[in-house]
Amino acid sequence: ENGATNFHDGVYVDGFAAGTSTASADFQGVLGTKIITVSNARAAVNNIQFISVFDAQTSLVGAAGKSVQLRARLFFNDGTKFDDVTEYSWIAWSLLIEFTS
């Protein structure tokens, strides 16, 4: 059922209106259903967890001239979590978080 979302390629879902949609699957008689809720309310990032390998997990530590690909887990105040925001090609993650030194 498609009430508030668009389904793409059986992998991606994006919200286009507030409401709910139901995604259902039948795999050899085993049924699964997931209700997806789309809201107009904004969600704020309330926690960033580095998953890149650094000397310390609470700060960016490195040597001058060295670069490390940043990987981060993001948590939002509505319960949404991105396990590694850099793996999602459809998210402009650099608009969500910015690092400066």
Protein backbone atom coordinates (compact mmCIF):
# COMPACT_ATOMS: atom_id res chain seq x y z
CA GLU A 1 0.00 0.00 0.00
CA ASN A 2 1.27 3.44 -0.79
CA GLY A 3 -0.22 6.25 1.27
CA ALA A 4 2.60 8.61 2.25
CA THR A 5 5.71 7.20 0.58
CA ASN A 6 7.26 6.32 -2.74
CA PHE A 7 8.93 2.92 -3.04
CA HIS A 8 11.92 2.69 -5.41
CA ASP A 9 13.56 -0.46 -6.76
CA GLY A 10 12.31 -2.49 -3.77
CA VAL A 11 15.05 -0.89 -1.65
CA TYR A 12 14.42 2.81 -1.08
CA VAL A 13 11.47 4.58 0.49
CA ASP A 14 10.98 8.32 0.58
CA GLY A 15 8.20 10.26 2.20
CA PHE A 16 6.14 12.70 0.14
CA ALA A 17 3.23 13.46 2.49
CA ALA A 18 2.35 13.09 6.15
CA GLY A 19 0.61 9.80 6.87
CA THR A 20 1.37 6.09 6.88
CA SER A 21 2.24 3.44 4.34
CA THR A 22 2.48 -0.31 4.71
CA ALA A 23 5.26 -2.36 3.14
CA SER A 24 4.49 -6.08 2.93
CA ALA A 25 6.49 -9.04 1.70
CA ASP A 26 5.69 -12.69 1.12
CA PHE A 27 8.67 -15.01 0.91
CA GLN A 28 7.60 -18.62 0.37
CA GLY A 29 4.56 -18.18 2.57
CA VAL A 30 6.36 -16.22 5.30
CA LEU A 31 4.67 -12.84 5.55
CA GLY A 32 6.23 -9.66 6.88
CA THR A 33 4.76 -6.19 7.26
CA LYS A 34 6.27 -2.86 8.22
CA ILE A 35 4.26 0.31 8.82
CA ILE A 36 6.11 3.45 7.77
CA THR A 37 5.03 6.77 9.28
CA VAL A 38 5.85 10.08 7.61
CA SER A 39 5.61 13.24 9.69
CA ASN A 40 5.85 16.94 8.92
CA ALA A 41 7.67 17.47 12.21
CA ARG A 42 11.38 18.23 12.10
CA ALA A 43 13.82 15.92 13.82
CA ALA A 44 17.08 17.14 15.31
CA VAL A 45 20.38 15.28 15.45
CA ASN A 46 20.90 14.58 19.14
CA ASN A 47 23.94 12.27 19.04
CA ILE A 48 26.83 11.64 16.66
CA GLN A 49 28.88 8.49 17.19
CA PHE A 50 32.17 8.15 15.33
CA ILE A 51 32.68 4.71 13.82
CA SER A 52 35.92 5.59 12.07
CA VAL A 53 39.04 4.33 13.79
CA PHE A 54 40.61 7.17 15.77
CA ASP A 55 42.96 7.21 18.72
CA ALA A 56 40.04 8.38 20.89
CA GLN A 57 36.32 8.06 20.22
CA THR A 58 35.42 11.43 21.73
CA SER A 59 37.65 13.55 19.53
CA LEU A 60 39.33 13.54 16.15
CA VAL A 61 42.99 12.66 16.73
CA GLY A 62 45.49 12.33 13.94
CA ALA A 63 48.82 13.32 12.48
CA ALA A 64 49.41 16.43 10.38
CA GLY A 65 48.96 15.71 6.68
CA LYS A 66 47.09 12.45 7.28
CA SER A 67 43.48 11.99 6.22
CA VAL A 68 40.89 9.53 7.47
CA GLN A 69 37.52 8.87 5.87
CA LEU A 70 34.89 10.00 8.32
CA ARG A 71 32.17 7.50 9.16
CA ALA A 72 29.52 8.40 11.68
CA ARG A 73 26.34 6.99 13.19
CA LEU A 74 23.61 9.61 13.63
CA PHE A 75 20.78 9.54 16.15
CA PHE A 76 17.76 11.84 15.92
CA ASN A 77 15.41 12.97 18.67
CA ASP A 78 12.48 11.11 17.05
CA GLY A 79 14.22 7.72 17.36
CA THR A 80 15.56 7.59 13.79
CA LYS A 81 19.09 6.18 13.48
CA PHE A 82 21.47 6.02 10.52
CA ASP A 83 24.05 3.30 11.18
CA ASP A 84 26.61 4.90 8.86
CA VAL A 85 25.34 8.09 7.31
CA THR A 86 28.11 8.04 4.68
CA GLU A 87 26.78 4.77 3.17
CA TYR A 88 23.47 6.27 2.07
CA SER A 89 23.91 7.83 -1.37
CA TRP A 90 20.52 9.57 -1.12
CA ILE A 91 21.52 11.57 1.97
CA ALA A 92 23.61 14.70 1.61
CA TRP A 93 25.22 13.93 4.98
CA SER A 94 27.51 16.93 4.75
CA LEU A 95 24.36 19.06 5.18
CA LEU A 96 23.58 17.28 8.46
CA ILE A 97 27.00 17.42 10.12
CA GLU A 98 30.05 19.58 9.60
CA PHE A 99 33.52 19.25 11.09
CA THR A 100 36.06 22.03 11.26
CA SER A 101 39.44 22.37 12.88
